[in-house]
């Protein structure tokens, strides 16, 4: 994944830019009366494949990722949409780790989602 994102630390100004490049963030189109949310179809195929594989593995080994996935499924998201949301969250976590120079920490990465799920 890092090879597909590139090695320039200043390439992505924020996590949203990285998520947009990855193709995991949704596209929202809104008019005065309608709001449509759709998946991005223009993306780096190798990157999205790696991210979806990572997300599928994460929901089986990470309690935080599993809880977030289950929350998406409870909102009537189908398997692919829920998995894409987990991948989107993982890209944000990766961006934060790269920006701050810290290692991944399960408790820190999913803490605010665990609190909202416990309530």
PDB file of N, CA and C in Angstrom:
ATOM      1  N   UNK A   1       0.813  -1.185   0.000  1.00  0.00           N
ATOM      2  CA  UNK A   1       0.000   0.000   0.000  1.00  0.00           C
ATOM      3  C   UNK A   1       0.861   1.255   0.000  1.00  0.00           C
ATOM      4  N   UNK A   2       1.916   1.234   0.791  1.00  0.00           N
ATOM      5  CA  UNK A   2       2.766   2.424   0.842  1.00  0.00           C
ATOM      6  C   UNK A   2       3.394   2.727  -0.510  1.00  0.00           C
ATOM      7  N   UNK A   3       3.736   1.699  -1.259  1.00  0.00           N
ATOM      8  CA  UNK A   3       4.306   1.919  -2.586  1.00  0.00           C
ATOM      9  C   UNK A   3       3.283   2.577  -3.510  1.00  0.00           C
ATOM     10  N   UNK A   4       2.030   2.192  -3.407  1.00  0.00           N
ATOM     11  CA  UNK A   4       0.983   2.774  -4.245  1.00  0.00           C
ATOM     12  C   UNK A   4       0.660   4.210  -3.840  1.00  0.00           C
ATOM     13  N   UNK A   5       0.760   4.516  -2.537  1.00  0.00           N
ATOM     14  CA  UNK A   5       0.517   5.882  -2.074  1.00  0.00           C
ATOM     15  C   UNK A   5       1.672   6.808  -2.448  1.00  0.00           C
ATOM     16  N   UNK A   6       2.858   6.261  -2.594  1.00  0.00           N
ATOM     17  CA  UNK A   6       4.027   7.076  -2.914  1.00  0.00           C
ATOM     18  C   UNK A   6       4.809   7.419  -1.662  1.00  0.00           C
ATOM     19  N   UNK A   7       6.035   7.894  -1.860  1.00  0.00           N
ATOM     20  CA  UNK A   7       6.896   8.141  -0.710  1.00  0.00           C
ATOM     21  C   UNK A   7       7.079   9.617  -0.368  1.00  0.00           C
ATOM     22  N   UNK A   8       6.372  10.506  -1.034  1.00  0.00           N
ATOM     23  CA  UNK A   8       6.452  11.924  -0.718  1.00  0.00           C
ATOM     24  C   UNK A   8       5.568  12.220   0.497  1.00  0.00           C
ATOM     25  N   UNK A   9       6.152  12.595   1.637  1.00  0.00           N
ATOM     26  CA  UNK A   9       5.345  12.817   2.845  1.00  0.00           C
ATOM     27  C   UNK A   9       4.390  14.004   2.741  1.00  0.00           C
ATOM     28  N   UNK A  10       4.627  14.906   1.783  1.00  0.00           N
ATOM     29  CA  UNK A  10       3.768  16.094   1.643  1.00  0.00           C
ATOM     30  C   UNK A  10       2.752  15.952   0.511  1.00  0.00           C
ATOM     31  N   UNK A  11       2.663  14.778  -0.078  1.00  0.00           N
ATOM     32  CA  UNK A  11       1.761  14.588  -1.221  1.00  0.00           C
ATOM     33  C   UNK A  11       0.290  14.750  -0.831  1.00  0.00           C
ATOM     34  N   UNK A  12      -0.070  14.271   0.347  1.00  0.00           N
ATOM     35  CA  UNK A  12      -1.463  14.341   0.799  1.00  0.00           C
ATOM     36  C   UNK A  12      -1.539  15.344   1.947  1.00  0.00           C
ATOM     37  N   UNK A  13      -2.282  16.417   1.745  1.00  0.00           N
ATOM     38  CA  UNK A  13      -2.366  17.465   2.755  1.00  0.00           C
ATOM     39  C   UNK A  13      -3.150  17.032   3.986  1.00  0.00           C
ATOM     40  N   UNK A  14      -4.080  16.111   3.792  1.00  0.00           N
ATOM     41  CA  UNK A  14      -4.874  15.626   4.922  1.00  0.00           C
ATOM     42  C   UNK A  14      -5.363  14.202   4.623  1.00  0.00           C
ATOM     43  N   UNK A  15      -6.016  13.609   5.615  1.00  0.00           N
ATOM     44  CA  UNK A  15      -6.490  12.230   5.462  1.00  0.00           C
ATOM     45  C   UNK A  15      -7.535  12.125   4.350  1.00  0.00           C
ATOM     46  N   UNK A  16      -8.357  13.157   4.177  1.00  0.00           N
ATOM     47  CA  UNK A  16      -9.386  13.120   3.133  1.00  0.00           C
ATOM     48  C   UNK A  16      -8.756  13.002   1.745  1.00  0.00           C
ATOM     49  N   UNK A  17      -7.675  13.706   1.512  1.00  0.00           N
ATOM     50  CA  UNK A  17      -6.994  13.628   0.220  1.00  0.00           C
ATOM     51  C   UNK A  17      -6.466  12.216  -0.028  1.00  0.00           C
ATOM     52  N   UNK A  18      -5.921  11.594   1.012  1.00  0.00           N
ATOM     53  CA  UNK A  18      -5.417  10.224   0.886  1.00  0.00           C
ATOM     54  C   UNK A  18      -6.580   9.250   0.632  1.00  0.00           C
ATOM     55  N   UNK A  19      -7.688   9.443   1.324  1.00  0.00           N
ATOM     56  CA  UNK A  19      -8.861   8.575   1.149  1.00  0.00           C
ATOM     57  C   UNK A  19      -9.448   8.738  -0.252  1.00  0.00           C
ATOM     58  N   UNK A  20      -9.471   9.973  -0.753  1.00  0.00           N
ATOM     59  CA  UNK A  20      -9.976  10.216  -2.106  1.00  0.00           C
ATOM     60  C   UNK A  20      -9.104   9.512  -3.136  1.00  0.00           C
ATOM     61  N   UNK A  21      -7.789   9.602  -2.975  1.00  0.00           N
ATOM     62  CA  UNK A  21      -6.888   8.923  -3.911  1.00  0.00           C
ATOM     63  C   UNK A  21      -7.075   7.407  -3.838  1.00  0.00           C
ATOM     64  N   UNK A  22      -7.263   6.909  -2.632  1.00  0.00           N
ATOM     65  CA  UNK A  22      -7.435   5.466  -2.450  1.00  0.00           C
ATOM     66  C   UNK A  22      -8.754   4.977  -3.046  1.00  0.00           C
ATOM     67  N   UNK A  23      -9.729   5.859  -3.160  1.00  0.00           N
ATOM     68  CA  UNK A  23     -11.026   5.461  -3.707  1.00  0.00           C
ATOM     69  C   UNK A  23     -11.951   4.861  -2.670  1.00  0.00           C
ATOM     70  N   UNK A  24     -11.649   5.068  -1.391  1.00  0.00           N
ATOM     71  CA  UNK A  24     -12.492   4.495  -0.339  1.00  0.00           C
ATOM     72  C   UNK A  24     -13.548   5.469   0.162  1.00  0.00           C
ATOM     73  N   UNK A  25     -13.321   6.765  -0.018  1.00  0.00           N
ATOM     74  CA  UNK A  25     -14.307   7.732   0.454  1.00  0.00           C
ATOM     75  C   UNK A  25     -15.448   7.842  -0.556  1.00  0.00           C
ATOM     76  N   UNK A  26     -16.658   8.038  -0.055  1.00  0.00           N
ATOM     77  CA  UNK A  26     -17.801   8.132  -0.964  1.00  0.00           C
ATOM     78  C   UNK A  26     -17.869   9.493  -1.661  1.00  0.00           C
ATOM     79  N   UNK A  27     -18.597   9.520  -2.766  1.00  0.00           N
ATOM     80  CA  UNK A  27     -18.879  10.768  -3.475  1.00  0.00           C
ATOM     81  C   UNK A  27     -20.307  11.162  -3.116  1.00  0.00           C
ATOM     82  N   UNK A  28     -20.481  12.393  -2.658  1.00  0.00           N
ATOM     83  CA  UNK A  28     -21.817  12.878  -2.309  1.00  0.00           C
ATOM     84  C   UNK A  28     -22.218  13.949  -3.308  1.00  0.00           C
ATOM     85  N   UNK A  29     -23.365  13.749  -3.906  1.00  0.00           N
ATOM     86  CA  UNK A  29     -23.925  14.742  -4.829  1.00  0.00           C
ATOM     87  C   UNK A  29     -25.238  15.225  -4.226  1.00  0.00           C
ATOM     88  N   UNK A  30     -25.368  16.511  -4.084  1.00  0.00           N
ATOM     89  CA  UNK A  30     -26.577  17.047  -3.471  1.00  0.00           C
ATOM     90  C   UNK A  30     -27.131  18.185  -4.309  1.00  0.00           C
ATOM     91  N   UNK A  31     -28.444  18.208  -4.410  1.00  0.00           N
ATOM     92  CA  UNK A  31     -29.142  19.337  -5.021  1.00  0.00           C
ATOM     93  C   UNK A  31     -30.066  19.887  -3.946  1.00  0.00           C
ATOM     94  N   UNK A  32     -30.974  20.722  -4.314  1.00  0.00           N
ATOM     95  CA  UNK A  32     -31.892  21.282  -3.334  1.00  0.00           C
ATOM     96  C   UNK A  32     -32.793  20.243  -2.682  1.00  0.00           C
ATOM     97  N   UNK A  33     -33.126  19.185  -3.421  1.00  0.00           N
ATOM     98  CA  UNK A  33     -34.083  18.212  -2.903  1.00  0.00           C
ATOM     99  C   UNK A  33     -33.514  16.811  -2.702  1.00  0.00           C
ATOM    100  N   UNK A  34     -32.423  16.501  -3.366  1.00  0.00           N
ATOM    101  CA  UNK A  34     -31.880  15.150  -3.315  1.00  0.00           C
ATOM    102  C   UNK A  34     -30.447  15.131  -2.819  1.00  0.00           C
ATOM    103  N   UNK A  35     -30.109  14.035  -2.168  1.00  0.00           N
ATOM    104  CA  UNK A  35     -28.722  13.795  -1.766  1.00  0.00           C
ATOM    105  C   UNK A  35     -28.401  12.350  -2.125  1.00  0.00           C
ATOM    106  N   UNK A  36     -27.380  12.160  -2.941  1.00  0.00           N
ATOM    107  CA  UNK A  36     -26.990  10.825  -3.390  1.00  0.00           C
ATOM    108  C   UNK A  36     -25.559  10.561  -2.951  1.00  0.00           C
ATOM    109  N   UNK A  37     -25.345   9.415  -2.320  1.00  0.00           N
ATOM    110  CA  UNK A  37     -24.007   8.995  -1.909  1.00  0.00           C
ATOM    111  C   UNK A  37     -23.659   7.756  -2.714  1.00  0.00           C
ATOM    112  N   UNK A  38     -22.530   7.801  -3.415  1.00  0.00           N
ATOM    113  CA  UNK A  38     -22.136   6.688  -4.275  1.00  0.00           C
ATOM    114  C   UNK A  38     -20.664   6.353  -4.052  1.00  0.00           C
ATOM    115  N   UNK A  39     -20.299   5.143  -4.425  1.00  0.00           N
ATOM    116  CA  UNK A  39     -18.899   4.709  -4.335  1.00  0.00           C
ATOM    117  C   UNK A  39     -18.100   5.316  -5.482  1.00  0.00           C
ATOM    118  N   UNK A  40     -16.821   5.514  -5.257  1.00  0.00           N
ATOM    119  CA  UNK A  40     -15.927   6.007  -6.306  1.00  0.00           C
ATOM    120  C   UNK A  40     -15.562   4.850  -7.227  1.00  0.00           C
ATOM    121  N   UNK A  41     -15.666   5.083  -8.524  1.00  0.00           N
ATOM    122  CA  UNK A  41     -15.319   4.041  -9.479  1.00  0.00           C
ATOM    123  C   UNK A  41     -13.986   4.309 -10.160  1.00  0.00           C
ATOM    124  N   UNK A  42     -13.482   5.521 -10.051  1.00  0.00           N
ATOM    125  CA  UNK A  42     -12.165   5.841 -10.590  1.00  0.00           C
ATOM    126  C   UNK A  42     -11.184   5.766  -9.427  1.00  0.00           C
ATOM    127  N   UNK A  43     -10.304   4.772  -9.470  1.00  0.00           N
ATOM    128  CA  UNK A  43      -9.349   4.572  -8.388  1.00  0.00           C
ATOM    129  C   UNK A  43      -8.186   3.715  -8.880  1.00  0.00           C
ATOM    130  N   UNK A  44      -7.185   3.619  -8.051  1.00  0.00           N
ATOM    131  CA  UNK A  44      -6.029   2.781  -8.301  1.00  0.00           C
ATOM    132  C   UNK A  44      -6.432   1.342  -7.955  1.00  0.00           C
ATOM    133  N   UNK A  45      -6.547   0.475  -8.954  1.00  0.00           N
ATOM    134  CA  UNK A  45      -7.032  -0.888  -8.724  1.00  0.00           C
ATOM    135  C   UNK A  45      -6.169  -1.679  -7.750  1.00  0.00           C
ATOM    136  N   UNK A  46      -4.846  -1.574  -7.883  1.00  0.00           N
ATOM    137  CA  UNK A  46      -3.967  -2.320  -6.976  1.00  0.00           C
ATOM    138  C   UNK A  46      -4.144  -1.842  -5.543  1.00  0.00           C
ATOM    139  N   UNK A  47      -4.285  -0.546  -5.364  1.00  0.00           N
ATOM    140  CA  UNK A  47      -4.427   0.015  -4.026  1.00  0.00           C
ATOM    141  C   UNK A  47      -5.751  -0.394  -3.394  1.00  0.00           C
ATOM    142  N   UNK A  48      -6.852  -0.269  -4.120  1.00  0.00           N
ATOM    143  CA  UNK A  48      -8.147  -0.614  -3.532  1.00  0.00           C
ATOM    144  C   UNK A  48      -8.231  -2.111  -3.242  1.00  0.00           C
ATOM    145  N   UNK A  49      -7.619  -2.938  -4.083  1.00  0.00           N
ATOM    146  CA  UNK A  49      -7.590  -4.376  -3.807  1.00  0.00           C
ATOM    147  C   UNK A  49      -6.837  -4.669  -2.518  1.00  0.00           C
ATOM    148  N   UNK A  50      -5.702  -4.018  -2.333  1.00  0.00           N
ATOM    149  CA  UNK A  50      -4.913  -4.217  -1.112  1.00  0.00           C
ATOM    150  C   UNK A  50      -5.671  -3.723   0.115  1.00  0.00           C
ATOM    151  N   UNK A  51      -6.342  -2.583  -0.022  1.00  0.00           N
ATOM    152  CA  UNK A  51      -7.097  -2.028   1.110  1.00  0.00           C
ATOM    153  C   UNK A  51      -8.289  -2.894   1.480  1.00  0.00           C
ATOM    154  N   UNK A  52      -8.991  -3.419   0.493  1.00  0.00           N
ATOM    155  CA  UNK A  52     -10.137  -4.280   0.780  1.00  0.00           C
ATOM    156  C   UNK A  52      -9.676  -5.594   1.415  1.00  0.00           C
ATOM    157  N   UNK A  53      -8.538  -6.115   0.972  1.00  0.00           N
ATOM    158  CA  UNK A  53      -7.982  -7.321   1.585  1.00  0.00           C
ATOM    159  C   UNK A  53      -7.586  -7.033   3.032  1.00  0.00           C
ATOM    160  N   UNK A  54      -6.957  -5.890   3.260  1.00  0.00           N
ATOM    161  CA  UNK A  54      -6.577  -5.505   4.622  1.00  0.00           C
ATOM    162  C   UNK A  54      -7.819  -5.353   5.500  1.00  0.00           C
ATOM    163  N   UNK A  55      -8.858  -4.724   4.981  1.00  0.00           N
ATOM    164  CA  UNK A  55     -10.083  -4.522   5.753  1.00  0.00           C
ATOM    165  C   UNK A  55     -10.748  -5.854   6.078  1.00  0.00           C
ATOM    166  N   UNK A  56     -10.784  -6.765   5.109  1.00  0.00           N
ATOM    167  CA  UNK A  56     -11.393  -8.079   5.356  1.00  0.00           C
ATOM    168  C   UNK A  56     -10.637  -8.826   6.443  1.00  0.00           C
ATOM    169  N   UNK A  57      -9.327  -8.726   6.433  1.00  0.00           N
ATOM    170  CA  UNK A  57      -8.523  -9.375   7.464  1.00  0.00           C
ATOM    171  C   UNK A  57      -8.694  -8.670   8.803  1.00  0.00           C
ATOM    172  N   UNK A  58      -8.772  -7.349   8.765  1.00  0.00           N
ATOM    173  CA  UNK A  58      -8.894  -6.571   9.998  1.00  0.00           C
ATOM    174  C   UNK A  58     -10.180  -6.904  10.759  1.00  0.00           C
ATOM    175  N   UNK A  59     -11.285  -7.124  10.048  1.00  0.00           N
ATOM    176  CA  UNK A  59     -12.532  -7.410  10.769  1.00  0.00           C
ATOM    177  C   UNK A  59     -12.508  -8.780  11.434  1.00  0.00           C
ATOM    178  N   UNK A  60     -11.550  -9.620  11.037  1.00  0.00           N
ATOM    179  CA  UNK A  60     -11.464 -10.931  11.692  1.00  0.00           C
ATOM    180  C   UNK A  60     -10.450 -10.949  12.835  1.00  0.00           C
ATOM    181  N   UNK A  61      -9.538  -9.975  12.900  1.00  0.00           N
ATOM    182  CA  UNK A  61      -8.522  -9.995  13.961  1.00  0.00           C
ATOM    183  C   UNK A  61      -8.567  -8.777  14.882  1.00  0.00           C
ATOM    184  N   UNK A  62      -9.215  -7.710  14.473  1.00  0.00           N
ATOM    185  CA  UNK A  62      -9.251  -6.483  15.265  1.00  0.00           C
ATOM    186  C   UNK A  62     -10.645  -6.267  15.848  1.00  0.00           C
ATOM    187  N   UNK A  63     -10.760  -6.262  17.180  1.00  0.00           N
ATOM    188  CA  UNK A  63     -12.079  -6.021  17.787  1.00  0.00           C
ATOM    189  C   UNK A  63     -12.659  -4.651  17.400  1.00  0.00           C
ATOM    190  N   UNK A  64     -11.811  -3.639  17.284  1.00  0.00           N
ATOM    191  CA  UNK A  64     -12.283  -2.313  16.908  1.00  0.00           C
ATOM    192  C   UNK A  64     -12.807  -2.278  15.488  1.00  0.00           C
ATOM    193  N   UNK A  65     -12.065  -2.888  14.572  1.00  0.00           N
ATOM    194  CA  UNK A  65     -12.502  -2.933  13.175  1.00  0.00           C
ATOM    195  C   UNK A  65     -13.785  -3.750  13.053  1.00  0.00           C
ATOM    196  N   UNK A  66     -13.870  -4.842  13.812  1.00  0.00           N
ATOM    197  CA  UNK A  66     -15.081  -5.681  13.763  1.00  0.00           C
ATOM    198  C   UNK A  66     -16.296  -4.919  14.276  1.00  0.00           C
ATOM    199  N   UNK A  67     -16.119  -4.175  15.362  1.00  0.00           N
ATOM    200  CA  UNK A  67     -17.231  -3.403  15.916  1.00  0.00           C
ATOM    201  C   UNK A  67     -17.680  -2.324  14.921  1.00  0.00           C
ATOM    202  N   UNK A  68     -16.718  -1.686  14.256  1.00  0.00           N
ATOM    203  CA  UNK A  68     -17.053  -0.661  13.268  1.00  0.00           C
ATOM    204  C   UNK A  68     -17.774  -1.284  12.076  1.00  0.00           C
ATOM    205  N   UNK A  69     -17.309  -2.443  11.628  1.00  0.00           N
ATOM    206  CA  UNK A  69     -17.955  -3.175  10.531  1.00  0.00           C
ATOM    207  C   UNK A  69     -19.389  -3.551  10.923  1.00  0.00           C
ATOM    208  N   UNK A  70     -19.558  -4.094  12.123  1.00  0.00           N
ATOM    209  CA  UNK A  70     -20.894  -4.480  12.586  1.00  0.00           C
ATOM    210  C   UNK A  70     -21.835  -3.281  12.666  1.00  0.00           C
ATOM    211  N   UNK A  71     -21.286  -2.136  13.066  1.00  0.00           N
ATOM    212  CA  UNK A  71     -22.091  -0.909  13.123  1.00  0.00           C
ATOM    213  C   UNK A  71     -22.570  -0.527  11.724  1.00  0.00           C
ATOM    214  N   UNK A  72     -21.692  -0.648  10.735  1.00  0.00           N
ATOM    215  CA  UNK A  72     -22.068  -0.338   9.347  1.00  0.00           C
ATOM    216  C   UNK A  72     -23.133  -1.305   8.849  1.00  0.00           C
ATOM    217  N   UNK A  73     -22.974  -2.579   9.172  1.00  0.00           N
ATOM    218  CA  UNK A  73     -23.961  -3.580   8.745  1.00  0.00           C
ATOM    219  C   UNK A  73     -25.314  -3.336   9.410  1.00  0.00           C
ATOM    220  N   UNK A  74     -25.284  -2.881  10.664  1.00  0.00           N
ATOM    221  CA  UNK A  74     -26.538  -2.575  11.371  1.00  0.00           C
ATOM    222  C   UNK A  74     -27.267  -1.401  10.722  1.00  0.00           C
ATOM    223  N   UNK A  75     -26.532  -0.558  10.024  1.00  0.00           N
ATOM    224  CA  UNK A  75     -27.133   0.568   9.299  1.00  0.00           C
ATOM    225  C   UNK A  75     -27.604   0.147   7.911  1.00  0.00           C
ATOM    226  N   UNK A  76     -27.707  -1.160   7.678  1.00  0.00           N
ATOM    227  CA  UNK A  76     -28.174  -1.745   6.421  1.00  0.00           C
ATOM    228  C   UNK A  76     -27.203  -1.578   5.256  1.00  0.00           C
ATOM    229  N   UNK A  77     -25.918  -1.425   5.551  1.00  0.00           N
ATOM    230  CA  UNK A  77     -24.915  -1.403   4.486  1.00  0.00           C
ATOM    231  C   UNK A  77     -24.635  -2.839   4.075  1.00  0.00           C
ATOM    232  N   UNK A  78     -24.486  -3.085   2.780  1.00  0.00           N
ATOM    233  CA  UNK A  78     -24.156  -4.444   2.357  1.00  0.00           C
ATOM    234  C   UNK A  78     -22.684  -4.733   2.665  1.00  0.00           C
ATOM    235  N   UNK A  79     -22.253  -5.959   2.428  1.00  0.00           N
ATOM    236  CA  UNK A  79     -20.904  -6.394   2.795  1.00  0.00           C
ATOM    237  C   UNK A  79     -19.831  -5.492   2.197  1.00  0.00           C
ATOM    238  N   UNK A  80     -19.906  -5.232   0.890  1.00  0.00           N
ATOM    239  CA  UNK A  80     -18.878  -4.418   0.230  1.00  0.00           C
ATOM    240  C   UNK A  80     -18.867  -2.983   0.739  1.00  0.00           C
ATOM    241  N   UNK A  81     -20.021  -2.396   0.947  1.00  0.00           N
ATOM    242  CA  UNK A  81     -20.076  -1.022   1.438  1.00  0.00           C
ATOM    243  C   UNK A  81     -19.511  -0.931   2.857  1.00  0.00           C
ATOM    244  N   UNK A  82     -19.863  -1.876   3.708  1.00  0.00           N
ATOM    245  CA  UNK A  82     -19.345  -1.882   5.078  1.00  0.00           C
ATOM    246  C   UNK A  82     -17.835  -2.108   5.082  1.00  0.00           C
ATOM    247  N   UNK A  83     -17.366  -3.013   4.232  1.00  0.00           N
ATOM    248  CA  UNK A  83     -15.927  -3.277   4.147  1.00  0.00           C
ATOM    249  C   UNK A  83     -15.180  -2.059   3.611  1.00  0.00           C
ATOM    250  N   UNK A  84     -15.781  -1.354   2.652  1.00  0.00           N
ATOM    251  CA  UNK A  84     -15.174  -0.142   2.111  1.00  0.00           C
ATOM    252  C   UNK A  84     -15.070   0.930   3.199  1.00  0.00           C
ATOM    253  N   UNK A  85     -16.062   1.003   4.083  1.00  0.00           N
ATOM    254  CA  UNK A  85     -16.004   1.967   5.191  1.00  0.00           C
ATOM    255  C   UNK A  85     -14.886   1.621   6.166  1.00  0.00           C
ATOM    256  N   UNK A  86     -14.687   0.332   6.429  1.00  0.00           N
ATOM    257  CA  UNK A  86     -13.570  -0.090   7.279  1.00  0.00           C
ATOM    258  C   UNK A  86     -12.255   0.277   6.605  1.00  0.00           C
ATOM    259  N   UNK A  87     -12.140   0.006   5.300  1.00  0.00           N
ATOM    260  CA  UNK A  87     -10.928   0.361   4.559  1.00  0.00           C
ATOM    261  C   UNK A  87     -10.699   1.867   4.599  1.00  0.00           C
ATOM    262  N   UNK A  88     -11.757   2.651   4.472  1.00  0.00           N
ATOM    263  CA  UNK A  88     -11.665   4.104   4.529  1.00  0.00           C
ATOM    264  C   UNK A  88     -11.117   4.546   5.887  1.00  0.00           C
ATOM    265  N   UNK A  89     -11.612   3.934   6.939  1.00  0.00           N
ATOM    266  CA  UNK A  89     -11.140   4.249   8.294  1.00  0.00           C
ATOM    267  C   UNK A  89      -9.677   3.850   8.452  1.00  0.00           C
ATOM    268  N   UNK A  90      -9.288   2.706   7.896  1.00  0.00           N
ATOM    269  CA  UNK A  90      -7.901   2.258   7.987  1.00  0.00           C
ATOM    270  C   UNK A  90      -6.952   3.198   7.235  1.00  0.00           C
ATOM    271  N   UNK A  91      -7.406   3.761   6.128  1.00  0.00           N
ATOM    272  CA  UNK A  91      -6.582   4.744   5.403  1.00  0.00           C
ATOM    273  C   UNK A  91      -6.382   5.984   6.274  1.00  0.00           C
ATOM    274  N   UNK A  92      -7.425   6.407   6.960  1.00  0.00           N
ATOM    275  CA  UNK A  92      -7.300   7.553   7.871  1.00  0.00           C
ATOM    276  C   UNK A  92      -6.337   7.264   9.010  1.00  0.00           C
ATOM    277  N   UNK A  93      -6.396   6.057   9.536  1.00  0.00           N
ATOM    278  CA  UNK A  93      -5.479   5.655  10.606  1.00  0.00           C
ATOM    279  C   UNK A  93      -4.046   5.646  10.080  1.00  0.00           C
ATOM    280  N   UNK A  94      -3.855   5.096   8.879  1.00  0.00           N
ATOM    281  CA  UNK A  94      -2.529   5.077   8.266  1.00  0.00           C
ATOM    282  C   UNK A  94      -2.003   6.499   8.087  1.00  0.00           C
ATOM    283  N   UNK A  95      -2.847   7.395   7.612  1.00  0.00           N
ATOM    284  CA  UNK A  95      -2.425   8.779   7.416  1.00  0.00           C
ATOM    285  C   UNK A  95      -1.978   9.392   8.743  1.00  0.00           C
ATOM    286  N   UNK A  96      -2.752   9.157   9.798  1.00  0.00           N
ATOM    287  CA  UNK A  96      -2.388   9.681  11.115  1.00  0.00           C
ATOM    288  C   UNK A  96      -1.066   9.121  11.616  1.00  0.00           C
ATOM    289  N   UNK A  97      -0.857   7.839  11.416  1.00  0.00           N
ATOM    290  CA  UNK A  97       0.402   7.212  11.841  1.00  0.00           C
ATOM    291  C   UNK A  97       1.588   7.792  11.079  1.00  0.00           C
ATOM    292  N   UNK A  98       1.434   7.969   9.766  1.00  0.00           N
ATOM    293  CA  UNK A  98       2.523   8.518   8.963  1.00  0.00           C
ATOM    294  C   UNK A  98       2.791   9.983   9.300  1.00  0.00           C
ATOM    295  N   UNK A  99       1.729  10.725   9.558  1.00  0.00           N
ATOM    296  CA  UNK A  99       1.871  12.152   9.858  1.00  0.00           C
ATOM    297  C   UNK A  99       2.563  12.375  11.203  1.00  0.00           C
ATOM    298  N   UNK A 100       2.209  11.573  12.206  1.00  0.00           N
ATOM    299  CA  UNK A 100       2.767  11.759  13.544  1.00  0.00           C
ATOM    300  C   UNK A 100       4.002  10.902  13.797  1.00  0.00           C
ATOM    301  N   UNK A 101       4.281   9.965  12.895  1.00  0.00           N
ATOM    302  CA  UNK A 101       5.440   9.096  13.079  1.00  0.00           C
ATOM    303  C   UNK A 101       5.265   8.087  14.189  1.00  0.00           C
ATOM    304  N   UNK A 102       4.015   7.670  14.426  1.00  0.00           N
ATOM    305  CA  UNK A 102       3.742   6.703  15.488  1.00  0.00           C
ATOM    306  C   UNK A 102       3.349   5.357  14.901  1.00  0.00           C
ATOM    307  N   UNK A 103       3.456   4.338  15.729  1.00  0.00           N
ATOM    308  CA  UNK A 103       3.046   2.995  15.330  1.00  0.00           C
ATOM    309  C   UNK A 103       1.544   2.834  15.551  1.00  0.00           C
ATOM    310  N   UNK A 104       0.959   1.890  14.835  1.00  0.00           N
ATOM    311  CA  UNK A 104      -0.467   1.588  14.980  1.00  0.00           C
ATOM    312  C   UNK A 104      -0.740   1.078  16.388  1.00  0.00           C
ATOM    313  N   UNK A 105      -1.784   1.583  17.006  1.00  0.00           N
ATOM    314  CA  UNK A 105      -2.215   1.136  18.323  1.00  0.00           C
ATOM    315  C   UNK A 105      -3.719   0.896  18.263  1.00  0.00           C
ATOM    316  N   UNK A 106      -4.121  -0.335  18.496  1.00  0.00           N
ATOM    317  CA  UNK A 106      -5.531  -0.728  18.422  1.00  0.00           C
ATOM    318  C   UNK A 106      -6.424   0.151  19.298  1.00  0.00           C
ATOM    319  N   UNK A 107      -6.006   0.381  20.522  1.00  0.00           N
ATOM    320  CA  UNK A 107      -6.828   1.147  21.459  1.00  0.00           C
ATOM    321  C   UNK A 107      -6.999   2.595  20.998  1.00  0.00           C
ATOM    322  N   UNK A 108      -5.959   3.199  20.500  1.00  0.00           N
ATOM    323  CA  UNK A 108      -6.033   4.584  20.034  1.00  0.00           C
ATOM    324  C   UNK A 108      -6.812   4.682  18.727  1.00  0.00           C
ATOM    325  N   UNK A 109      -6.582   3.745  17.832  1.00  0.00           N
ATOM    326  CA  UNK A 109      -7.198   3.800  16.503  1.00  0.00           C
ATOM    327  C   UNK A 109      -8.713   3.700  16.543  1.00  0.00           C
ATOM    328  N   UNK A 110      -9.236   2.882  17.398  1.00  0.00           N
ATOM    329  CA  UNK A 110     -10.675   2.624  17.405  1.00  0.00           C
ATOM    330  C   UNK A 110     -11.378   3.122  18.663  1.00  0.00           C
ATOM    331  N   UNK A 111     -10.695   3.871  19.522  1.00  0.00           N
ATOM    332  CA  UNK A 111     -11.252   4.253  20.823  1.00  0.00           C
ATOM    333  C   UNK A 111     -12.548   5.045  20.717  1.00  0.00           C
ATOM    334  N   UNK A 112     -12.622   6.030  19.847  1.00  0.00           N
ATOM    335  CA  UNK A 112     -13.853   6.826  19.779  1.00  0.00           C
ATOM    336  C   UNK A 112     -15.008   6.034  19.170  1.00  0.00           C
ATOM    337  N   UNK A 113     -14.720   5.032  18.363  1.00  0.00           N
ATOM    338  CA  UNK A 113     -15.797   4.186  17.835  1.00  0.00           C
ATOM    339  C   UNK A 113     -16.268   3.207  18.905  1.00  0.00           C
ATOM    340  N   UNK A 114     -15.355   2.721  19.734  1.00  0.00           N
ATOM    341  CA  UNK A 114     -15.746   1.799  20.806  1.00  0.00           C
ATOM    342  C   UNK A 114     -16.645   2.490  21.811  1.00  0.00           C
ATOM    343  N   UNK A 115     -16.354   3.780  22.124  1.00  0.00           N
ATOM    344  CA  UNK A 115     -17.187   4.533  23.053  1.00  0.00           C
ATOM    345  C   UNK A 115     -18.587   4.730  22.506  1.00  0.00           C
ATOM    346  N   UNK A 116     -18.727   5.025  21.223  1.00  0.00           N
ATOM    347  CA  UNK A 116     -20.056   5.251  20.648  1.00  0.00           C
ATOM    348  C   UNK A 116     -20.830   3.958  20.532  1.00  0.00           C
ATOM    349  N   UNK A 117     -20.128   2.816  20.392  1.00  0.00           N
ATOM    350  CA  UNK A 117     -20.806   1.531  20.306  1.00  0.00           C
ATOM    351  C   UNK A 117     -21.265   1.046  21.672  1.00  0.00           C
ATOM    352  N   UNK A 118     -20.525   1.421  22.734  1.00  0.00           N
ATOM    353  CA  UNK A 118     -20.874   0.983  24.082  1.00  0.00           C
ATOM    354  C   UNK A 118     -22.112   1.711  24.581  1.00  0.00           C
ATOM    355  N   UNK A 119     -22.352   2.906  24.075  1.00  0.00           N
ATOM    356  CA  UNK A 119     -23.491   3.717  24.555  1.00  0.00           C
ATOM    357  C   UNK A 119     -24.813   3.229  24.018  1.00  0.00           C
TER     358      UNK A 119
END
